PDB file of N, CA and C in Angstrom:
ATOM      1  N   MET A   1       0.838  -1.185   0.000  1.00  0.00           N
ATOM      2  CA  MET A   1       0.000   0.000   0.000  1.00  0.00           C
ATOM      3  C   MET A   1       0.883   1.247   0.000  1.00  0.00           C
ATOM      4  N   VAL A   2       0.506   2.219  -0.806  1.00  0.00           N
ATOM      5  CA  VAL A   2       1.210   3.487  -0.884  1.00  0.00           C
ATOM      6  C   VAL A   2       0.492   4.478   0.023  1.00  0.00           C
ATOM      7  N   GLU A   3       1.216   5.099   0.934  1.00  0.00           N
ATOM      8  CA  GLU A   3       0.608   6.077   1.835  1.00  0.00           C
ATOM      9  C   GLU A   3       0.783   7.477   1.257  1.00  0.00           C
ATOM     10  N   VAL A   4      -0.324   8.135   0.964  1.00  0.00           N
ATOM     11  CA  VAL A   4      -0.318   9.487   0.401  1.00  0.00           C
ATOM     12  C   VAL A   4      -0.548  10.463   1.536  1.00  0.00           C
ATOM     13  N   ILE A   5       0.315  11.477   1.625  1.00  0.00           N
ATOM     14  CA  ILE A   5       0.218  12.463   2.695  1.00  0.00           C
ATOM     15  C   ILE A   5       0.192  13.859   2.094  1.00  0.00           C
ATOM     16  N   ILE A   6      -0.754  14.684   2.554  1.00  0.00           N
ATOM     17  CA  ILE A   6      -0.844  16.078   2.130  1.00  0.00           C
ATOM     18  C   ILE A   6      -0.473  16.950   3.317  1.00  0.00           C
ATOM     19  N   ASP A   7       0.563  17.764   3.148  1.00  0.00           N
ATOM     20  CA  ASP A   7       0.988  18.699   4.186  1.00  0.00           C
ATOM     21  C   ASP A   7       0.086  19.928   4.103  1.00  0.00           C
ATOM     22  N   GLU A   8      -0.835  20.062   5.040  1.00  0.00           N
ATOM     23  CA  GLU A   8      -1.810  21.150   5.011  1.00  0.00           C
ATOM     24  C   GLU A   8      -1.166  22.525   5.122  1.00  0.00           C
ATOM     25  N   ASP A   9       0.002  22.611   5.761  1.00  0.00           N
ATOM     26  CA  ASP A   9       0.687  23.899   5.883  1.00  0.00           C
ATOM     27  C   ASP A   9       1.249  24.379   4.548  1.00  0.00           C
ATOM     28  N   LYS A  10       1.649  23.448   3.689  1.00  0.00           N
ATOM     29  CA  LYS A  10       2.204  23.802   2.382  1.00  0.00           C
ATOM     30  C   LYS A  10       1.141  23.921   1.295  1.00  0.00           C
ATOM     31  N   CYS A  11       0.029  23.212   1.444  1.00  0.00           N
ATOM     32  CA  CYS A  11      -1.003  23.148   0.412  1.00  0.00           C
ATOM     33  C   CYS A  11      -1.605  24.533   0.139  1.00  0.00           C
ATOM     34  N   VAL A  12      -1.678  24.889  -1.159  1.00  0.00           N
ATOM     35  CA  VAL A  12      -2.265  26.174  -1.563  1.00  0.00           C
ATOM     36  C   VAL A  12      -3.704  26.005  -2.051  1.00  0.00           C
ATOM     37  N   LYS A  13      -4.237  24.802  -1.915  1.00  0.00           N
ATOM     38  CA  LYS A  13      -5.631  24.483  -2.253  1.00  0.00           C
ATOM     39  C   LYS A  13      -5.986  24.764  -3.711  1.00  0.00           C
ATOM     40  N   CYS A  14      -5.046  24.485  -4.602  1.00  0.00           N
ATOM     41  CA  CYS A  14      -5.283  24.683  -6.034  1.00  0.00           C
ATOM     42  C   CYS A  14      -6.165  23.576  -6.615  1.00  0.00           C
ATOM     43  N   ARG A  15      -6.225  22.428  -5.962  1.00  0.00           N
ATOM     44  CA  ARG A  15      -7.060  21.286  -6.339  1.00  0.00           C
ATOM     45  C   ARG A  15      -6.577  20.558  -7.600  1.00  0.00           C
ATOM     46  N   GLU A  16      -5.389  20.860  -8.075  1.00  0.00           N
ATOM     47  CA  GLU A  16      -4.865  20.160  -9.252  1.00  0.00           C
ATOM     48  C   GLU A  16      -4.694  18.672  -8.965  1.00  0.00           C
ATOM     49  N   CYS A  17      -4.341  18.325  -7.745  1.00  0.00           N
ATOM     50  CA  CYS A  17      -4.184  16.910  -7.384  1.00  0.00           C
ATOM     51  C   CYS A  17      -5.516  16.171  -7.433  1.00  0.00           C
ATOM     52  N   VAL A  18      -6.586  16.870  -7.097  1.00  0.00           N
ATOM     53  CA  VAL A  18      -7.924  16.272  -7.154  1.00  0.00           C
ATOM     54  C   VAL A  18      -8.274  15.936  -8.600  1.00  0.00           C
ATOM     55  N   VAL A  19      -7.938  16.836  -9.494  1.00  0.00           N
ATOM     56  CA  VAL A  19      -8.244  16.649 -10.918  1.00  0.00           C
ATOM     57  C   VAL A  19      -7.412  15.526 -11.518  1.00  0.00           C
ATOM     58  N   ILE A  20      -6.147  15.433 -11.145  1.00  0.00           N
ATOM     59  CA  ILE A  20      -5.234  14.500 -11.803  1.00  0.00           C
ATOM     60  C   ILE A  20      -5.314  13.076 -11.256  1.00  0.00           C
ATOM     61  N   CYS A  21      -5.825  12.885 -10.055  1.00  0.00           N
ATOM     62  CA  CYS A  21      -5.850  11.551  -9.444  1.00  0.00           C
ATOM     63  C   CYS A  21      -6.797  10.625 -10.213  1.00  0.00           C
ATOM     64  N   PRO A  22      -6.269   9.565 -10.844  1.00  0.00           N
ATOM     65  CA  PRO A  22      -7.112   8.692 -11.671  1.00  0.00           C
ATOM     66  C   PRO A  22      -8.041   7.778 -10.873  1.00  0.00           C
ATOM     67  N   THR A  23      -7.761   7.584  -9.588  1.00  0.00           N
ATOM     68  CA  THR A  23      -8.575   6.674  -8.785  1.00  0.00           C
ATOM     69  C   THR A  23      -9.349   7.385  -7.683  1.00  0.00           C
ATOM     70  N   GLU A  24      -9.343   8.686  -7.704  1.00  0.00           N
ATOM     71  CA  GLU A  24     -10.069   9.520  -6.738  1.00  0.00           C
ATOM     72  C   GLU A  24      -9.682   9.215  -5.290  1.00  0.00           C
ATOM     73  N   VAL A  25      -8.386   8.984  -5.091  1.00  0.00           N
ATOM     74  CA  VAL A  25      -7.863   8.845  -3.733  1.00  0.00           C
ATOM     75  C   VAL A  25      -7.853  10.216  -3.066  1.00  0.00           C
ATOM     76  N   ILE A  26      -7.524  11.242  -3.831  1.00  0.00           N
ATOM     77  CA  ILE A  26      -7.549  12.615  -3.332  1.00  0.00           C
ATOM     78  C   ILE A  26      -8.828  13.266  -3.838  1.00  0.00           C
ATOM     79  N   VAL A  27      -9.626  13.749  -2.905  1.00  0.00           N
ATOM     80  CA  VAL A  27     -10.895  14.392  -3.238  1.00  0.00           C
ATOM     81  C   VAL A  27     -10.960  15.751  -2.536  1.00  0.00           C
ATOM     82  N   GLU A  28     -11.907  16.571  -2.958  1.00  0.00           N
ATOM     83  CA  GLU A  28     -12.076  17.886  -2.345  1.00  0.00           C
ATOM     84  C   GLU A  28     -13.152  17.826  -1.275  1.00  0.00           C
ATOM     85  N   GLU A  29     -12.828  18.346  -0.108  1.00  0.00           N
ATOM     86  CA  GLU A  29     -13.789  18.466   0.982  1.00  0.00           C
ATOM     87  C   GLU A  29     -13.593  19.836   1.621  1.00  0.00           C
ATOM     88  N   ASN A  30     -14.665  20.582   1.709  1.00  0.00           N
ATOM     89  CA  ASN A  30     -14.617  21.917   2.322  1.00  0.00           C
ATOM     90  C   ASN A  30     -13.547  22.803   1.692  1.00  0.00           C
ATOM     91  N   GLY A  31     -13.409  22.716   0.376  1.00  0.00           N
ATOM     92  CA  GLY A  31     -12.491  23.586  -0.351  1.00  0.00           C
ATOM     93  C   GLY A  31     -11.028  23.203  -0.292  1.00  0.00           C
ATOM     94  N   LYS A  32     -10.716  22.020   0.225  1.00  0.00           N
ATOM     95  CA  LYS A  32      -9.314  21.603   0.266  1.00  0.00           C
ATOM     96  C   LYS A  32      -9.204  20.128  -0.092  1.00  0.00           C
ATOM     97  N   PRO A  33      -8.061  19.732  -0.648  1.00  0.00           N
ATOM     98  CA  PRO A  33      -7.870  18.326  -1.001  1.00  0.00           C
ATOM     99  C   PRO A  33      -7.612  17.480   0.240  1.00  0.00           C
ATOM    100  N   VAL A  34      -8.221  16.306   0.268  1.00  0.00           N
ATOM    101  CA  VAL A  34      -8.009  15.361   1.363  1.00  0.00           C
ATOM    102  C   VAL A  34      -7.822  13.960   0.780  1.00  0.00           C
ATOM    103  N   VAL A  35      -7.110  13.132   1.503  1.00  0.00           N
ATOM    104  CA  VAL A  35      -6.859  11.754   1.080  1.00  0.00           C
ATOM    105  C   VAL A  35      -8.001  10.883   1.583  1.00  0.00           C
ATOM    106  N   LYS A  36      -8.633  10.166   0.657  1.00  0.00           N
ATOM    107  CA  LYS A  36      -9.715   9.241   0.983  1.00  0.00           C
ATOM    108  C   LYS A  36      -9.367   7.870   0.401  1.00  0.00           C
ATOM    109  N   ASP A  37      -9.659   6.831   1.108  1.00  0.00           N
ATOM    110  CA  ASP A  37      -9.480   5.446   0.661  1.00  0.00           C
ATOM    111  C   ASP A  37      -8.123   5.212  -0.020  1.00  0.00           C
ATOM    112  N   VAL A  38      -7.079   5.354   0.766  1.00  0.00           N
ATOM    113  CA  VAL A  38      -5.716   5.209   0.252  1.00  0.00           C
ATOM    114  C   VAL A  38      -5.470   3.817  -0.343  1.00  0.00           C
ATOM    115  N   ASN A  39      -6.301   2.859  -0.018  1.00  0.00           N
ATOM    116  CA  ASN A  39      -6.151   1.515  -0.582  1.00  0.00           C
ATOM    117  C   ASN A  39      -6.378   1.483  -2.089  1.00  0.00           C
ATOM    118  N   ARG A  40      -7.026   2.514  -2.627  1.00  0.00           N
ATOM    119  CA  ARG A  40      -7.267   2.583  -4.070  1.00  0.00           C
ATOM    120  C   ARG A  40      -6.075   3.179  -4.830  1.00  0.00           C
ATOM    121  N   CYS A  41      -5.103   3.717  -4.113  1.00  0.00           N
ATOM    122  CA  CYS A  41      -3.945   4.352  -4.751  1.00  0.00           C
ATOM    123  C   CYS A  41      -3.149   3.330  -5.555  1.00  0.00           C
ATOM    124  N   ILE A  42      -2.872   3.660  -6.808  1.00  0.00           N
ATOM    125  CA  ILE A  42      -2.113   2.758  -7.680  1.00  0.00           C
ATOM    126  C   ILE A  42      -0.635   3.144  -7.749  1.00  0.00           C
ATOM    127  N   GLY A  43      -0.265   4.196  -7.015  1.00  0.00           N
ATOM    128  CA  GLY A  43       1.135   4.605  -6.957  1.00  0.00           C
ATOM    129  C   GLY A  43       1.643   5.274  -8.215  1.00  0.00           C
ATOM    130  N   CYS A  44       0.767   5.933  -8.962  1.00  0.00           N
ATOM    131  CA  CYS A  44       1.201   6.590 -10.200  1.00  0.00           C
ATOM    132  C   CYS A  44       2.013   7.857  -9.919  1.00  0.00           C
ATOM    133  N   LEU A  45       1.865   8.406  -8.727  1.00  0.00           N
ATOM    134  CA  LEU A  45       2.607   9.584  -8.250  1.00  0.00           C
ATOM    135  C   LEU A  45       2.250  10.873  -8.999  1.00  0.00           C
ATOM    136  N   SER A  46       1.180  10.861  -9.761  1.00  0.00           N
ATOM    137  CA  SER A  46       0.766  12.063 -10.500  1.00  0.00           C
ATOM    138  C   SER A  46       0.522  13.242  -9.576  1.00  0.00           C
ATOM    139  N   CYS A  47      -0.075  12.973  -8.430  1.00  0.00           N
ATOM    140  CA  CYS A  47      -0.378  14.055  -7.497  1.00  0.00           C
ATOM    141  C   CYS A  47       0.899  14.749  -7.013  1.00  0.00           C
ATOM    142  N   SER A  48       1.933  13.973  -6.739  1.00  0.00           N
ATOM    143  CA  SER A  48       3.195  14.555  -6.290  1.00  0.00           C
ATOM    144  C   SER A  48       3.862  15.371  -7.382  1.00  0.00           C
ATOM    145  N   TYR A  49       3.807  14.867  -8.609  1.00  0.00           N
ATOM    146  CA  TYR A  49       4.429  15.573  -9.716  1.00  0.00           C
ATOM    147  C   TYR A  49       3.731  16.883 -10.020  1.00  0.00           C
ATOM    148  N   ILE A  50       2.408  16.924  -9.893  1.00  0.00           N
ATOM    149  CA  ILE A  50       1.670  18.120 -10.273  1.00  0.00           C
ATOM    150  C   ILE A  50       1.625  19.167  -9.158  1.00  0.00           C
ATOM    151  N   CYS A  51       1.871  18.771  -7.932  1.00  0.00           N
ATOM    152  CA  CYS A  51       1.743  19.684  -6.796  1.00  0.00           C
ATOM    153  C   CYS A  51       2.747  20.829  -6.889  1.00  0.00           C
ATOM    154  N   ARG A  52       2.227  22.027  -7.072  1.00  0.00           N
ATOM    155  CA  ARG A  52       3.076  23.213  -7.248  1.00  0.00           C
ATOM    156  C   ARG A  52       3.745  23.675  -5.962  1.00  0.00           C
ATOM    157  N   SER A  53       3.243  23.220  -4.821  1.00  0.00           N
ATOM    158  CA  SER A  53       3.812  23.667  -3.550  1.00  0.00           C
ATOM    159  C   SER A  53       4.530  22.543  -2.794  1.00  0.00           C
ATOM    160  N   ASP A  54       4.755  21.424  -3.466  1.00  0.00           N
ATOM    161  CA  ASP A  54       5.428  20.264  -2.852  1.00  0.00           C
ATOM    162  C   ASP A  54       4.760  19.844  -1.550  1.00  0.00           C
ATOM    163  N   ALA A  55       3.433  19.880  -1.526  1.00  0.00           N
ATOM    164  CA  ALA A  55       2.682  19.547  -0.314  1.00  0.00           C
ATOM    165  C   ALA A  55       2.292  18.077  -0.248  1.00  0.00           C
ATOM    166  N   ILE A  56       2.493  17.343  -1.329  1.00  0.00           N
ATOM    167  CA  ILE A  56       2.081  15.937  -1.362  1.00  0.00           C
ATOM    168  C   ILE A  56       3.309  15.046  -1.446  1.00  0.00           C
ATOM    169  N   PHE A  57       3.330  14.058  -0.585  1.00  0.00           N
ATOM    170  CA  PHE A  57       4.400  13.078  -0.682  1.00  0.00           C
ATOM    171  C   PHE A  57       3.864  11.706  -0.331  1.00  0.00           C
ATOM    172  N   HIS A  58       4.643  10.712  -0.677  1.00  0.00           N
ATOM    173  CA  HIS A  58       4.285   9.319  -0.439  1.00  0.00           C
ATOM    174  C   HIS A  58       5.326   8.747   0.509  1.00  0.00           C
ATOM    175  N   ARG A  59       4.872   8.205   1.616  1.00  0.00           N
ATOM    176  CA  ARG A  59       5.800   7.687   2.615  1.00  0.00           C
ATOM    177  C   ARG A  59       6.717   6.633   1.992  1.00  0.00           C
ATOM    178  N   ASP A  60       7.996   6.776   2.269  1.00  0.00           N
ATOM    179  CA  ASP A  60       9.037   5.846   1.821  1.00  0.00           C
ATOM    180  C   ASP A  60       9.291   5.867   0.317  1.00  0.00           C
ATOM    181  N   ILE A  61       8.802   6.889  -0.360  1.00  0.00           N
ATOM    182  CA  ILE A  61       9.091   7.044  -1.788  1.00  0.00           C
ATOM    183  C   ILE A  61       9.682   8.427  -1.995  1.00  0.00           C
ATOM    184  N   TYR A  62      10.843   8.499  -2.626  1.00  0.00           N
ATOM    185  CA  TYR A  62      11.470   9.781  -2.922  1.00  0.00           C
ATOM    186  C   TYR A  62      11.244  10.104  -4.392  1.00  0.00           C
ATOM    187  N   ILE A  63      10.806  11.324  -4.652  1.00  0.00           N
ATOM    188  CA  ILE A  63      10.538  11.750  -6.026  1.00  0.00           C
ATOM    189  C   ILE A  63      11.400  12.964  -6.336  1.00  0.00           C
ATOM    190  N   GLU A  64      12.144  12.857  -7.415  1.00  0.00           N
ATOM    191  CA  GLU A  64      12.896  14.016  -7.883  1.00  0.00           C
ATOM    192  C   GLU A  64      12.016  14.714  -8.907  1.00  0.00           C
ATOM    193  N   LYS A  65      11.620  15.944  -8.592  1.00  0.00           N
ATOM    194  CA  LYS A  65      10.704  16.663  -9.487  1.00  0.00           C
ATOM    195  C   LYS A  65      11.402  17.001 -10.798  1.00  0.00           C
ATOM    196  N   LYS A  66      10.689  16.799 -11.850  1.00  0.00           N
ATOM    197  CA  LYS A  66      11.156  17.179 -13.177  1.00  0.00           C
ATOM    198  C   LYS A  66      10.086  18.067 -13.768  1.00  0.00           C
ATOM    199  N   LEU A  67      10.487  19.194 -14.272  1.00  0.00           N
ATOM    200  CA  LEU A  67       9.540  20.129 -14.853  1.00  0.00           C
ATOM    201  C   LEU A  67       9.351  19.801 -16.324  1.00  0.00           C
ATOM    202  N   VAL A  68       8.268  19.129 -16.620  1.00  0.00           N
ATOM    203  CA  VAL A  68       7.947  18.741 -17.986  1.00  0.00           C
ATOM    204  C   VAL A  68       6.553  19.264 -18.284  1.00  0.00           C
ATOM    205  N   TYR A  69       6.434  19.988 -19.353  1.00  0.00           N
ATOM    206  CA  TYR A  69       5.137  20.540 -19.727  1.00  0.00           C
ATOM    207  C   TYR A  69       4.381  19.530 -20.572  1.00  0.00           C
ATOM    208  N   ASP A  70       3.191  19.200 -20.145  1.00  0.00           N
ATOM    209  CA  ASP A  70       2.342  18.279 -20.891  1.00  0.00           C
ATOM    210  C   ASP A  70       1.044  19.012 -21.223  1.00  0.00           C
ATOM    211  N   PRO A  71       0.856  19.396 -22.470  1.00  0.00           N
ATOM    212  CA  PRO A  71      -0.342  20.158 -22.851  1.00  0.00           C
ATOM    213  C   PRO A  71      -1.650  19.440 -22.537  1.00  0.00           C
ATOM    214  N   ALA A  72      -1.684  18.127 -22.606  1.00  0.00           N
ATOM    215  CA  ALA A  72      -2.918  17.388 -22.331  1.00  0.00           C
ATOM    216  C   ALA A  72      -3.323  17.535 -20.867  1.00  0.00           C
ATOM    217  N   ILE A  73      -2.357  17.452 -19.973  1.00  0.00           N
ATOM    218  CA  ILE A  73      -2.640  17.624 -18.553  1.00  0.00           C
ATOM    219  C   ILE A  73      -3.043  19.069 -18.272  1.00  0.00           C
ATOM    220  N   GLU A  74      -2.337  19.998 -18.844  1.00  0.00           N
ATOM    221  CA  GLU A  74      -2.658  21.412 -18.653  1.00  0.00           C
ATOM    222  C   GLU A  74      -4.082  21.718 -19.119  1.00  0.00           C
ATOM    223  N   GLU A  75      -4.489  21.160 -20.229  1.00  0.00           N
ATOM    224  CA  GLU A  75      -5.842  21.384 -20.755  1.00  0.00           C
ATOM    225  C   GLU A  75      -6.883  20.815 -19.794  1.00  0.00           C
ATOM    226  N   LYS A  76      -6.630  19.645 -19.266  1.00  0.00           N
ATOM    227  CA  LYS A  76      -7.561  19.012 -18.317  1.00  0.00           C
ATOM    228  C   LYS A  76      -7.708  19.878 -17.073  1.00  0.00           C
ATOM    229  N   ILE A  77      -6.616  20.389 -16.585  1.00  0.00           N
ATOM    230  CA  ILE A  77      -6.641  21.228 -15.378  1.00  0.00           C
ATOM    231  C   ILE A  77      -7.365  22.545 -15.662  1.00  0.00           C
ATOM    232  N   MET A  78      -7.095  23.164 -16.781  1.00  0.00           N
ATOM    233  CA  MET A  78      -7.706  24.440 -17.092  1.00  0.00           C
ATOM    234  C   MET A  78      -9.217  24.327 -17.267  1.00  0.00           C
ATOM    235  N   LYS A  79      -9.713  23.188 -17.699  1.00  0.00           N
ATOM    236  CA  LYS A  79     -11.164  22.988 -17.804  1.00  0.00           C
ATOM    237  C   LYS A  79     -11.802  22.944 -16.430  1.00  0.00           C
ATOM    238  N   PHE A  80     -11.057  22.452 -15.449  1.00  0.00           N
ATOM    239  CA  PHE A  80     -11.562  22.332 -14.099  1.00  0.00           C
ATOM    240  C   PHE A  80     -11.533  23.659 -13.358  1.00  0.00           C
ATOM    241  N   VAL A  81     -10.457  24.391 -13.536  1.00  0.00           N
ATOM    242  CA  VAL A  81     -10.246  25.626 -12.754  1.00  0.00           C
ATOM    243  C   VAL A  81     -11.094  26.717 -13.241  1.00  0.00           C
TER     244      VAL A  81
END
């Protein structure tokens, strides 16, 4: 099981992680992203990669951020925001 953790102090509540999560492990509640049913997490790490404030991490997994622009992801996010 992959443990997803959101640091509430760092989170800017942009909700991009909510949009990008393919299994709806991260959902919006009261205007902020929260982790729900972590057992559904497939470990794709999309939420960590997209987080602009480095507020999301996965216990025991280290991710080196790479800035890669993906127009398809950007379009999906812009439709939501």
